[in-house]
Amino acid sequence: MDLKVDYAFKRLFGTESNKNITVVFLNAILKRTGRDRIKDISFSSTEAGAEHEEDKQSRLDLLVVTDAGEWMNIEIQFTNQYDMVNRSIYYWVGVYRNPMKLGMGYKELHPVIAINVLNFGLFSQTEKFHTTFHLYEDEERFKLTNVMEFHFIEMKRLIQDWKEEKLNPWDDVLAKWLLLLGIVDK
């Protein structure tokens, strides 16, 4: 079964019985080790958006909360039929705003990390299969905030790097996980 299909992806990474697998996968994507690593997660409702009746309703693939209080939206996208960057931002905004209740302060909002696993190419500006984005000051390059982080993983580029032996999965935990997802194509 192709693990990039929503149903299979959710069965592997989105169930309480496989929570430990999801934790290892997320730590590999975020390159977290030692004290910074995620130790535990809980799964949350995947319904997002629709503040008003006429608003667009969204169903996220996976939404988890880490033991450090970070929210993570993990999306698997098989085909390039949507404006993926804007869609990711739209989902991020919904997850970030959703916990806000009347009387809450903005400092009470938690960081949200968007992880997008794509079965197509997205960025022509780079040859990397895993790109990470934050908000930085244009000239001095200091980070504006730690509440926003976006990851885009391009499976086709990963497979190409593997075929061309530019990547050794034995030395790269993330590459091992991603090859598990992408190997069915090859």
N, C-alpha and C. Protein backbone atom coordinates (compact mmCIF):
# COMPACT_ATOMS: atom_id res chain seq x y z
N MET A 1 0.84 -1.17 0.00
CA MET A 1 0.00 0.00 0.00
C MET A 1 0.89 1.24 0.00
N ASP A 2 0.51 2.23 -0.77
CA ASP A 2 1.26 3.48 -0.85
C ASP A 2 1.01 4.28 0.42
N LEU A 3 2.05 4.48 1.21
CA LEU A 3 1.91 5.19 2.48
C LEU A 3 1.73 6.69 2.32
N LYS A 4 1.80 7.18 1.08
CA LYS A 4 1.55 8.60 0.83
C LYS A 4 0.05 8.89 0.62
N VAL A 5 -0.74 7.87 0.49
CA VAL A 5 -2.19 8.05 0.39
C VAL A 5 -2.69 8.42 1.78
N ASP A 6 -3.59 9.41 1.84
CA ASP A 6 -4.08 9.93 3.13
C ASP A 6 -4.44 8.82 4.12
N TYR A 7 -5.25 7.88 3.68
CA TYR A 7 -5.73 6.82 4.58
C TYR A 7 -4.56 6.04 5.19
N ALA A 8 -3.64 5.59 4.35
CA ALA A 8 -2.50 4.80 4.84
C ALA A 8 -1.59 5.64 5.73
N PHE A 9 -1.34 6.88 5.33
CA PHE A 9 -0.50 7.78 6.12
C PHE A 9 -1.09 7.98 7.52
N LYS A 10 -2.39 8.21 7.56
CA LYS A 10 -3.07 8.42 8.86
C LYS A 10 -3.07 7.15 9.70
N ARG A 11 -3.20 5.99 9.07
CA ARG A 11 -3.17 4.72 9.82
C ARG A 11 -1.78 4.48 10.42
N LEU A 12 -0.73 4.85 9.68
CA LEU A 12 0.63 4.65 10.18
C LEU A 12 1.00 5.68 11.23
N PHE A 13 0.74 6.97 10.95
CA PHE A 13 1.23 8.03 11.83
C PHE A 13 0.16 8.68 12.71
N GLY A 14 -1.10 8.40 12.49
CA GLY A 14 -2.15 9.13 13.17
C GLY A 14 -2.96 8.34 14.18
N THR A 15 -2.42 7.25 14.68
CA THR A 15 -3.17 6.46 15.65
C THR A 15 -2.41 6.38 16.97
N GLU A 16 -3.16 6.28 18.02
CA GLU A 16 -2.59 6.20 19.37
C GLU A 16 -1.65 4.99 19.50
N SER A 17 -2.00 3.89 18.86
CA SER A 17 -1.16 2.69 18.95
C SER A 17 0.20 2.86 18.26
N ASN A 18 0.30 3.80 17.33
CA ASN A 18 1.56 4.05 16.62
C ASN A 18 2.20 5.37 17.04
N LYS A 19 1.79 5.90 18.17
CA LYS A 19 2.27 7.20 18.62
C LYS A 19 3.80 7.27 18.68
N ASN A 20 4.45 6.21 19.14
CA ASN A 20 5.92 6.21 19.25
C ASN A 20 6.58 6.36 17.88
N ILE A 21 5.99 5.76 16.85
CA ILE A 21 6.50 5.89 15.49
C ILE A 21 6.39 7.35 15.04
N THR A 22 5.27 7.98 15.33
CA THR A 22 5.06 9.37 14.95
C THR A 22 6.06 10.28 15.64
N VAL A 23 6.34 10.03 16.90
CA VAL A 23 7.32 10.84 17.64
C VAL A 23 8.69 10.74 16.99
N VAL A 24 9.13 9.55 16.65
CA VAL A 24 10.44 9.37 16.00
C VAL A 24 10.46 10.07 14.64
N PHE A 25 9.39 9.92 13.88
CA PHE A 25 9.28 10.57 12.56
C PHE A 25 9.37 12.09 12.70
N LEU A 26 8.64 12.67 13.63
CA LEU A 26 8.66 14.13 13.82
C LEU A 26 10.03 14.61 14.30
N ASN A 27 10.66 13.88 15.20
CA ASN A 27 12.01 14.25 15.63
C ASN A 27 13.00 14.24 14.47
N ALA A 28 12.83 13.29 13.55
CA ALA A 28 13.71 13.22 12.38
C ALA A 28 13.48 14.43 11.47
N ILE A 29 12.24 14.79 11.22
CA ILE A 29 11.94 15.94 10.37
C ILE A 29 12.48 17.22 10.99
N LEU A 30 12.28 17.39 12.28
CA LEU A 30 12.68 18.63 12.96
C LEU A 30 14.13 18.62 13.41
N LYS A 31 14.82 17.50 13.18
CA LYS A 31 16.23 17.33 13.56
C LYS A 31 16.44 17.60 15.04
N ARG A 32 15.56 17.03 15.83
CA ARG A 32 15.63 17.23 17.28
C ARG A 32 16.27 16.02 17.94
N THR A 33 17.20 16.32 18.83
CA THR A 33 17.89 15.27 19.59
C THR A 33 18.04 15.75 21.03
N GLY A 34 18.47 14.86 21.89
CA GLY A 34 18.75 15.22 23.28
C GLY A 34 17.56 15.84 23.97
N ARG A 35 17.81 16.90 24.71
CA ARG A 35 16.76 17.57 25.49
C ARG A 35 15.68 18.20 24.61
N ASP A 36 16.03 18.60 23.41
CA ASP A 36 15.09 19.28 22.53
C ASP A 36 14.09 18.35 21.86
N ARG A 37 14.33 17.06 21.91
CA ARG A 37 13.49 16.13 21.16
C ARG A 37 12.08 16.03 21.75
N ILE A 38 11.16 15.69 20.90
CA ILE A 38 9.79 15.44 21.32
C ILE A 38 9.77 14.10 22.03
N LYS A 39 9.16 14.05 23.19
CA LYS A 39 9.09 12.80 23.94
C LYS A 39 7.71 12.17 23.88
N ASP A 40 6.68 13.02 23.74
CA ASP A 40 5.32 12.51 23.72
C ASP A 40 4.45 13.46 22.91
N ILE A 41 3.37 12.92 22.36
CA ILE A 41 2.40 13.72 21.62
C ILE A 41 1.00 13.26 21.99
N SER A 42 0.06 14.11 21.69
CA SER A 42 -1.35 13.69 21.75
C SER A 42 -1.99 14.12 20.45
N PHE A 43 -2.96 13.35 20.01
CA PHE A 43 -3.64 13.64 18.75
C PHE A 43 -4.82 14.56 19.04
N SER A 44 -5.06 15.49 18.14
CA SER A 44 -6.14 16.44 18.30
C SER A 44 -7.10 16.33 17.12
N SER A 45 -8.24 16.96 17.24
CA SER A 45 -9.24 16.96 16.16
C SER A 45 -8.63 17.55 14.90
N THR A 46 -8.94 16.97 13.76
CA THR A 46 -8.38 17.44 12.50
C THR A 46 -9.30 18.42 11.77
N GLU A 47 -10.37 18.84 12.40
CA GLU A 47 -11.25 19.85 11.81
C GLU A 47 -10.66 21.22 12.11
N ALA A 48 -10.55 22.08 11.08
CA ALA A 48 -9.98 23.41 11.27
C ALA A 48 -10.75 24.43 10.45
N GLY A 49 -10.60 25.67 10.83
CA GLY A 49 -11.24 26.76 10.09
C GLY A 49 -12.70 26.90 10.46
N ALA A 50 -13.48 27.45 9.56
CA ALA A 50 -14.93 27.61 9.68
C ALA A 50 -15.35 28.28 10.98
N GLU A 51 -14.88 29.50 11.17
CA GLU A 51 -15.29 30.28 12.33
C GLU A 51 -16.76 30.69 12.20
N HIS A 52 -17.20 30.95 10.96
CA HIS A 52 -18.58 31.30 10.67
C HIS A 52 -19.17 30.27 9.72
N GLU A 53 -20.49 30.22 9.66
CA GLU A 53 -21.18 29.22 8.85
C GLU A 53 -20.72 29.20 7.39
N GLU A 54 -20.46 30.39 6.83
CA GLU A 54 -20.10 30.47 5.42
C GLU A 54 -18.60 30.29 5.17
N ASP A 55 -17.80 30.13 6.23
CA ASP A 55 -16.36 29.97 6.08
C ASP A 55 -16.01 28.61 5.49
N LYS A 56 -14.82 28.56 4.89
CA LYS A 56 -14.31 27.31 4.33
C LYS A 56 -13.91 26.37 5.47
N GLN A 57 -14.38 25.16 5.41
CA GLN A 57 -14.03 24.14 6.40
C GLN A 57 -12.82 23.37 5.89
N SER A 58 -11.90 23.03 6.77
CA SER A 58 -10.71 22.28 6.39
C SER A 58 -10.61 21.03 7.24
N ARG A 59 -10.13 19.97 6.65
CA ARG A 59 -9.86 18.75 7.39
C ARG A 59 -8.37 18.47 7.23
N LEU A 60 -7.66 18.57 8.34
CA LEU A 60 -6.22 18.36 8.34
C LEU A 60 -5.93 16.86 8.32
N ASP A 61 -4.76 16.49 7.79
CA ASP A 61 -4.38 15.07 7.79
C ASP A 61 -4.07 14.61 9.21
N LEU A 62 -3.12 15.28 9.86
CA LEU A 62 -2.76 14.96 11.25
C LEU A 62 -2.53 16.25 12.02
N LEU A 63 -3.03 16.31 13.21
CA LEU A 63 -2.79 17.44 14.10
C LEU A 63 -2.39 16.87 15.45
N VAL A 64 -1.17 17.20 15.87
CA VAL A 64 -0.67 16.68 17.14
C VAL A 64 -0.20 17.83 18.02
N VAL A 65 -0.20 17.57 19.30
CA VAL A 65 0.34 18.51 20.28
C VAL A 65 1.49 17.80 20.98
N THR A 66 2.65 18.47 21.04
CA THR A 66 3.80 17.86 21.68
C THR A 66 3.77 18.08 23.18
N ASP A 67 4.65 17.38 23.87
CA ASP A 67 4.77 17.54 25.31
C ASP A 67 5.24 18.94 25.69
N ALA A 68 5.81 19.69 24.73
CA ALA A 68 6.24 21.07 24.99
C ALA A 68 5.15 22.08 24.63
N GLY A 69 3.98 21.61 24.22
CA GLY A 69 2.87 22.51 23.91
C GLY A 69 2.87 23.04 22.49
N GLU A 70 3.71 22.50 21.63
CA GLU A 70 3.71 22.91 20.22
C GLU A 70 2.61 22.15 19.48
N TRP A 71 1.97 22.84 18.56
CA TRP A 71 1.00 22.21 17.69
C TRP A 71 1.69 21.90 16.37
N MET A 72 1.41 20.74 15.81
CA MET A 72 1.99 20.35 14.52
C MET A 72 0.90 19.85 13.60
N ASN A 73 0.82 20.49 12.44
CA ASN A 73 -0.09 20.05 11.40
C ASN A 73 0.75 19.33 10.35
N ILE A 74 0.50 18.06 10.15
CA ILE A 74 1.24 17.26 9.18
C ILE A 74 0.31 16.94 8.02
N GLU A 75 0.68 17.40 6.83
CA GLU A 75 -0.13 17.20 5.63
C GLU A 75 0.64 16.34 4.64
N ILE A 76 -0.05 15.42 4.01
CA ILE A 76 0.52 14.63 2.91
C ILE A 76 -0.28 15.01 1.68
N GLN A 77 0.43 15.45 0.64
CA GLN A 77 -0.26 15.89 -0.58
C GLN A 77 0.28 15.09 -1.76
N PHE A 78 -0.58 14.32 -2.37
CA PHE A 78 -0.19 13.40 -3.44
C PHE A 78 -0.02 14.10 -4.78
N THR A 79 -0.90 15.04 -5.08
CA THR A 79 -0.84 15.73 -6.38
C THR A 79 -0.80 17.23 -6.18
N ASN A 80 -0.24 17.92 -7.14
CA ASN A 80 -0.09 19.37 -7.09
C ASN A 80 -1.32 20.03 -7.70
N GLN A 81 -2.46 19.90 -7.02
CA GLN A 81 -3.68 20.49 -7.54
C GLN A 81 -4.12 21.72 -6.76
N TYR A 82 -3.37 22.09 -5.76
CA TYR A 82 -3.69 23.24 -4.93
C TYR A 82 -2.48 24.17 -4.87
N ASP A 83 -2.69 25.39 -4.50
CA ASP A 83 -1.60 26.33 -4.25
C ASP A 83 -1.02 25.95 -2.88
N MET A 84 -0.04 25.09 -2.88
CA MET A 84 0.42 24.43 -1.66
C MET A 84 0.94 25.40 -0.61
N VAL A 85 1.67 26.42 -1.00
CA VAL A 85 2.22 27.35 -0.02
C VAL A 85 1.08 28.11 0.67
N ASN A 86 0.17 28.67 -0.11
CA ASN A 86 -0.95 29.40 0.49
C ASN A 86 -1.86 28.48 1.30
N ARG A 87 -2.04 27.27 0.82
CA ARG A 87 -2.86 26.31 1.56
C ARG A 87 -2.22 25.99 2.91
N SER A 88 -0.90 25.81 2.93
CA SER A 88 -0.20 25.53 4.17
C SER A 88 -0.32 26.70 5.15
N ILE A 89 -0.20 27.91 4.64
CA ILE A 89 -0.34 29.10 5.49
C ILE A 89 -1.76 29.19 6.03
N TYR A 90 -2.75 28.93 5.17
CA TYR A 90 -4.15 28.96 5.59
C TYR A 90 -4.41 27.97 6.72
N TYR A 91 -3.92 26.75 6.58
CA TYR A 91 -4.08 25.74 7.62
C TYR A 91 -3.35 26.17 8.89
N TRP A 92 -2.13 26.72 8.73
CA TRP A 92 -1.34 27.17 9.88
C TRP A 92 -2.13 28.20 10.69
N VAL A 93 -2.71 29.18 9.99
CA VAL A 93 -3.47 30.24 10.66
C VAL A 93 -4.62 29.65 11.46
N GLY A 94 -5.33 28.70 10.89
CA GLY A 94 -6.46 28.08 11.60
C GLY A 94 -6.02 27.38 12.87
N VAL A 95 -4.92 26.64 12.78
CA VAL A 95 -4.43 25.92 13.96
C VAL A 95 -3.93 26.91 15.01
N TYR A 96 -3.26 27.97 14.58
CA TYR A 96 -2.73 28.97 15.51
C TYR A 96 -3.85 29.72 16.24
N ARG A 97 -4.88 30.11 15.50
CA ARG A 97 -5.98 30.90 16.07
C ARG A 97 -6.98 30.07 16.87
N ASN A 98 -7.15 28.83 16.53
CA ASN A 98 -8.22 28.01 17.10
C ASN A 98 -8.28 28.00 18.63
N PRO A 99 -7.15 27.92 19.35
CA PRO A 99 -7.24 27.87 20.81
C PRO A 99 -7.64 29.20 21.46
N MET A 100 -7.60 30.31 20.70
CA MET A 100 -7.88 31.63 21.28
C MET A 100 -9.33 31.72 21.75
N LYS A 101 -9.48 32.04 23.00
CA LYS A 101 -10.80 32.20 23.61
C LYS A 101 -10.91 33.62 24.16
N LEU A 102 -12.12 34.06 24.39
CA LEU A 102 -12.38 35.37 24.94
C LEU A 102 -11.62 35.55 26.25
N GLY A 103 -10.89 36.62 26.37
CA GLY A 103 -10.14 36.91 27.59
C GLY A 103 -8.73 36.37 27.61
N MET A 104 -8.36 35.57 26.62
CA MET A 104 -6.99 35.04 26.54
C MET A 104 -6.04 36.12 26.03
N GLY A 105 -4.81 36.06 26.50
CA GLY A 105 -3.78 36.95 25.98
C GLY A 105 -3.05 36.28 24.82
N TYR A 106 -2.49 37.09 23.94
CA TYR A 106 -1.76 36.55 22.79
C TYR A 106 -0.57 35.70 23.21
N LYS A 107 0.00 35.99 24.37
CA LYS A 107 1.15 35.20 24.85
C LYS A 107 0.76 33.76 25.16
N GLU A 108 -0.52 33.50 25.29
CA GLU A 108 -0.99 32.16 25.61
C GLU A 108 -1.09 31.26 24.37
N LEU A 109 -0.95 31.85 23.19
CA LEU A 109 -0.98 31.04 21.96
C LEU A 109 0.33 30.26 21.84
N HIS A 110 0.23 29.07 21.30
CA HIS A 110 1.40 28.18 21.22
C HIS A 110 1.97 28.16 19.81
N PRO A 111 3.26 27.82 19.69
CA PRO A 111 3.86 27.68 18.36
C PRO A 111 3.14 26.62 17.53
N VAL A 112 3.10 26.85 16.23
CA VAL A 112 2.51 25.89 15.30
C VAL A 112 3.55 25.60 14.22
N ILE A 113 3.76 24.34 13.97
CA ILE A 113 4.70 23.88 12.94
C ILE A 113 3.90 23.16 11.87
N ALA A 114 4.05 23.62 10.63
CA ALA A 114 3.38 22.98 9.50
C ALA A 114 4.39 22.10 8.79
N ILE A 115 4.04 20.83 8.61
CA ILE A 115 4.91 19.88 7.91
C ILE A 115 4.12 19.37 6.70
N ASN A 116 4.68 19.58 5.52
CA ASN A 116 4.02 19.22 4.27
C ASN A 116 4.88 18.21 3.52
N VAL A 117 4.38 16.98 3.39
CA VAL A 117 5.07 15.93 2.65
C VAL A 117 4.41 15.89 1.27
N LEU A 118 5.18 16.21 0.24
CA LEU A 118 4.64 16.39 -1.10
C LEU A 118 5.18 15.34 -2.06
N ASN A 119 4.32 14.82 -2.90
CA ASN A 119 4.74 13.86 -3.91
C ASN A 119 4.97 14.56 -5.25
N PHE A 120 5.41 15.79 -5.19
CA PHE A 120 5.69 16.58 -6.40
C PHE A 120 6.72 17.65 -6.04
N GLY A 121 7.31 18.24 -7.05
CA GLY A 121 8.27 19.32 -6.85
C GLY A 121 7.54 20.62 -6.58
N LEU A 122 8.11 21.45 -5.73
CA LEU A 122 7.48 22.72 -5.39
C LEU A 122 8.42 23.90 -5.62
N PHE A 123 9.67 23.77 -5.20
CA PHE A 123 10.60 24.89 -5.25
C PHE A 123 11.68 24.67 -6.31
N SER A 124 11.72 25.54 -7.29
CA SER A 124 12.76 25.45 -8.31
C SER A 124 14.05 26.15 -7.86
N GLN A 125 13.98 26.91 -6.77
CA GLN A 125 15.13 27.68 -6.30
C GLN A 125 16.16 26.84 -5.54
N THR A 126 15.85 25.60 -5.25
CA THR A 126 16.75 24.77 -4.45
C THR A 126 16.75 23.34 -4.98
N GLU A 127 17.80 22.63 -4.64
CA GLU A 127 17.87 21.20 -4.97
C GLU A 127 17.61 20.34 -3.74
N LYS A 128 17.42 20.97 -2.58
CA LYS A 128 17.17 20.23 -1.34
C LYS A 128 15.78 19.61 -1.37
N PHE A 129 15.64 18.42 -0.79
CA PHE A 129 14.33 17.78 -0.71
C PHE A 129 13.56 18.22 0.53
N HIS A 130 14.24 18.80 1.51
CA HIS A 130 13.59 19.26 2.74
C HIS A 130 13.96 20.72 2.97
N THR A 131 12.96 21.59 2.89
CA THR A 131 13.19 23.01 3.13
C THR A 131 12.39 23.44 4.35
N THR A 132 12.96 24.38 5.11
CA THR A 132 12.33 24.88 6.33
C THR A 132 12.29 26.40 6.26
N PHE A 133 11.14 26.97 6.66
CA PHE A 133 10.95 28.40 6.59
C PHE A 133 10.50 28.97 7.93
N HIS A 134 11.01 30.19 8.21
CA HIS A 134 10.63 30.99 9.38
C HIS A 134 10.50 32.43 8.91
N LEU A 135 10.09 33.33 9.79
CA LEU A 135 10.08 34.76 9.48
C LEU A 135 11.35 35.40 10.02
N TYR A 136 12.13 36.02 9.12
CA TYR A 136 13.37 36.67 9.50
C TYR A 136 13.38 38.12 9.03
N GLU A 137 14.14 38.96 9.74
CA GLU A 137 14.38 40.33 9.31
C GLU A 137 15.20 40.27 8.02
N ASP A 138 14.84 41.08 7.05
CA ASP A 138 15.42 40.99 5.71
C ASP A 138 16.93 41.19 5.65
N GLU A 139 17.48 42.16 6.36
CA GLU A 139 18.90 42.47 6.22
C GLU A 139 19.77 41.78 7.27
N GLU A 140 19.34 41.81 8.52
CA GLU A 140 20.18 41.27 9.59
C GLU A 140 19.87 39.81 9.93
N ARG A 141 18.81 39.28 9.34
CA ARG A 141 18.48 37.85 9.40
C ARG A 141 18.17 37.32 10.80
N PHE A 142 17.68 38.17 11.72
CA PHE A 142 17.26 37.63 13.01
C PHE A 142 15.79 37.22 12.93
N LYS A 143 15.45 36.20 13.70
CA LYS A 143 14.11 35.62 13.65
C LYS A 143 13.11 36.53 14.35
N LEU A 144 11.98 36.77 13.71
CA LEU A 144 10.91 37.60 14.27
C LEU A 144 10.19 36.88 15.41
N THR A 145 9.91 35.59 15.20
CA THR A 145 9.11 34.84 16.17
C THR A 145 9.44 33.35 16.09
N ASN A 146 9.17 32.66 17.19
CA ASN A 146 9.37 31.20 17.18
C ASN A 146 8.04 30.47 17.07
N VAL A 147 6.94 31.19 16.81
CA VAL A 147 5.63 30.53 16.76
C VAL A 147 5.28 30.02 15.37
N MET A 148 6.09 30.32 14.38
CA MET A 148 5.76 29.95 13.00
C MET A 148 6.93 29.20 12.36
N GLU A 149 6.63 28.01 11.83
CA GLU A 149 7.65 27.21 11.16
C GLU A 149 6.96 26.35 10.11
N PHE A 150 7.55 26.33 8.91
CA PHE A 150 6.99 25.54 7.80
C PHE A 150 8.05 24.62 7.25
N HIS A 151 7.69 23.36 7.05
CA HIS A 151 8.57 22.37 6.42
C HIS A 151 7.88 21.86 5.16
N PHE A 152 8.65 21.79 4.08
CA PHE A 152 8.17 21.20 2.83
C PHE A 152 9.14 20.10 2.45
N ILE A 153 8.62 18.90 2.28
CA ILE A 153 9.43 17.74 1.92
C ILE A 153 8.96 17.27 0.55
N GLU A 154 9.86 17.31 -0.41
CA GLU A 154 9.55 16.94 -1.79
C GLU A 154 10.05 15.52 -2.05
N MET A 155 9.12 14.58 -2.08
CA MET A 155 9.46 13.17 -2.21
C MET A 155 10.17 12.85 -3.53
N LYS A 156 9.73 13.46 -4.63
CA LYS A 156 10.37 13.18 -5.93
C LYS A 156 11.84 13.56 -5.91
N ARG A 157 12.16 14.67 -5.27
CA ARG A 157 13.56 15.11 -5.18
C ARG A 157 14.36 14.16 -4.30
N LEU A 158 13.75 13.69 -3.21
CA LEU A 158 14.41 12.72 -2.34
C LEU A 158 14.75 11.44 -3.10
N ILE A 159 13.78 10.91 -3.83
CA ILE A 159 13.99 9.68 -4.60
C ILE A 159 15.09 9.90 -5.64
N GLN A 160 15.07 11.05 -6.29
CA GLN A 160 16.10 11.36 -7.30
C GLN A 160 17.49 11.39 -6.64
N ASP A 161 17.60 12.05 -5.48
CA ASP A 161 18.88 12.09 -4.76
C ASP A 161 19.34 10.69 -4.38
N TRP A 162 18.41 9.85 -3.97
CA TRP A 162 18.74 8.48 -3.59
C TRP A 162 19.23 7.69 -4.81
N LYS A 163 18.52 7.82 -5.92
CA LYS A 163 18.92 7.12 -7.15
C LYS A 163 20.30 7.54 -7.62
N GLU A 164 20.60 8.84 -7.49
CA GLU A 164 21.89 9.38 -7.93
C GLU A 164 22.97 9.24 -6.86
N GLU A 165 22.65 8.53 -5.78
CA GLU A 165 23.56 8.28 -4.66
C GLU A 165 24.12 9.56 -4.05
N LYS A 166 23.30 10.62 -4.03
CA LYS A 166 23.66 11.87 -3.37
C LYS A 166 23.28 11.82 -1.89
N LEU A 167 22.59 10.77 -1.51
CA LEU A 167 22.07 10.66 -0.17
C LEU A 167 22.24 9.23 0.31
N ASN A 168 22.75 9.09 1.52
CA ASN A 168 22.94 7.77 2.10
C ASN A 168 21.93 7.59 3.24
N PRO A 169 20.88 6.81 3.01
CA PRO A 169 19.86 6.65 4.06
C PRO A 169 20.39 6.02 5.34
N TRP A 170 21.52 5.35 5.29
CA TRP A 170 22.07 4.74 6.50
C TRP A 170 22.62 5.81 7.44
N ASP A 171 22.93 6.99 6.90
CA ASP A 171 23.47 8.08 7.71
C ASP A 171 22.43 9.17 7.99
N ASP A 172 21.22 9.01 7.51
CA ASP A 172 20.22 10.06 7.60
C ASP A 172 18.88 9.45 8.02
N VAL A 173 18.50 9.66 9.28
CA VAL A 173 17.28 9.07 9.82
C VAL A 173 16.05 9.54 9.04
N LEU A 174 16.00 10.82 8.71
CA LEU A 174 14.86 11.33 7.96
C LEU A 174 14.77 10.66 6.59
N ALA A 175 15.89 10.49 5.92
CA ALA A 175 15.88 9.84 4.60
C ALA A 175 15.33 8.42 4.70
N LYS A 176 15.66 7.70 5.77
CA LYS A 176 15.12 6.34 5.96
C LYS A 176 13.60 6.37 6.03
N TRP A 177 13.07 7.28 6.84
CA TRP A 177 11.61 7.39 6.98
C TRP A 177 10.96 7.76 5.66
N LEU A 178 11.54 8.73 4.98
CA LEU A 178 10.94 9.21 3.74
C LEU A 178 11.02 8.16 2.63
N LEU A 179 12.09 7.40 2.61
CA LEU A 179 12.17 6.32 1.62
C LEU A 179 11.11 5.26 1.88
N LEU A 180 10.79 5.03 3.14
CA LEU A 180 9.68 4.13 3.47
C LEU A 180 8.40 4.62 2.81
N LEU A 181 8.18 5.94 2.85
CA LEU A 181 6.98 6.51 2.22
C LEU A 181 7.06 6.49 0.69
N GLY A 182 8.25 6.74 0.16
CA GLY A 182 8.37 6.95 -1.28
C GLY A 182 8.79 5.76 -2.11
N ILE A 183 9.25 4.71 -1.50
CA ILE A 183 9.84 3.60 -2.25
C ILE A 183 8.81 2.85 -3.11
N VAL A 184 7.55 2.92 -2.75
CA VAL A 184 6.53 2.21 -3.52
C VAL A 184 6.50 2.70 -4.97
N ASP A 185 6.86 3.96 -5.19
CA ASP A 185 6.90 4.51 -6.55
C ASP A 185 8.01 3.92 -7.38
N LYS A 186 9.05 3.41 -6.73
CA LYS A 186 10.23 2.96 -7.47
C LYS A 186 10.47 1.49 -7.23
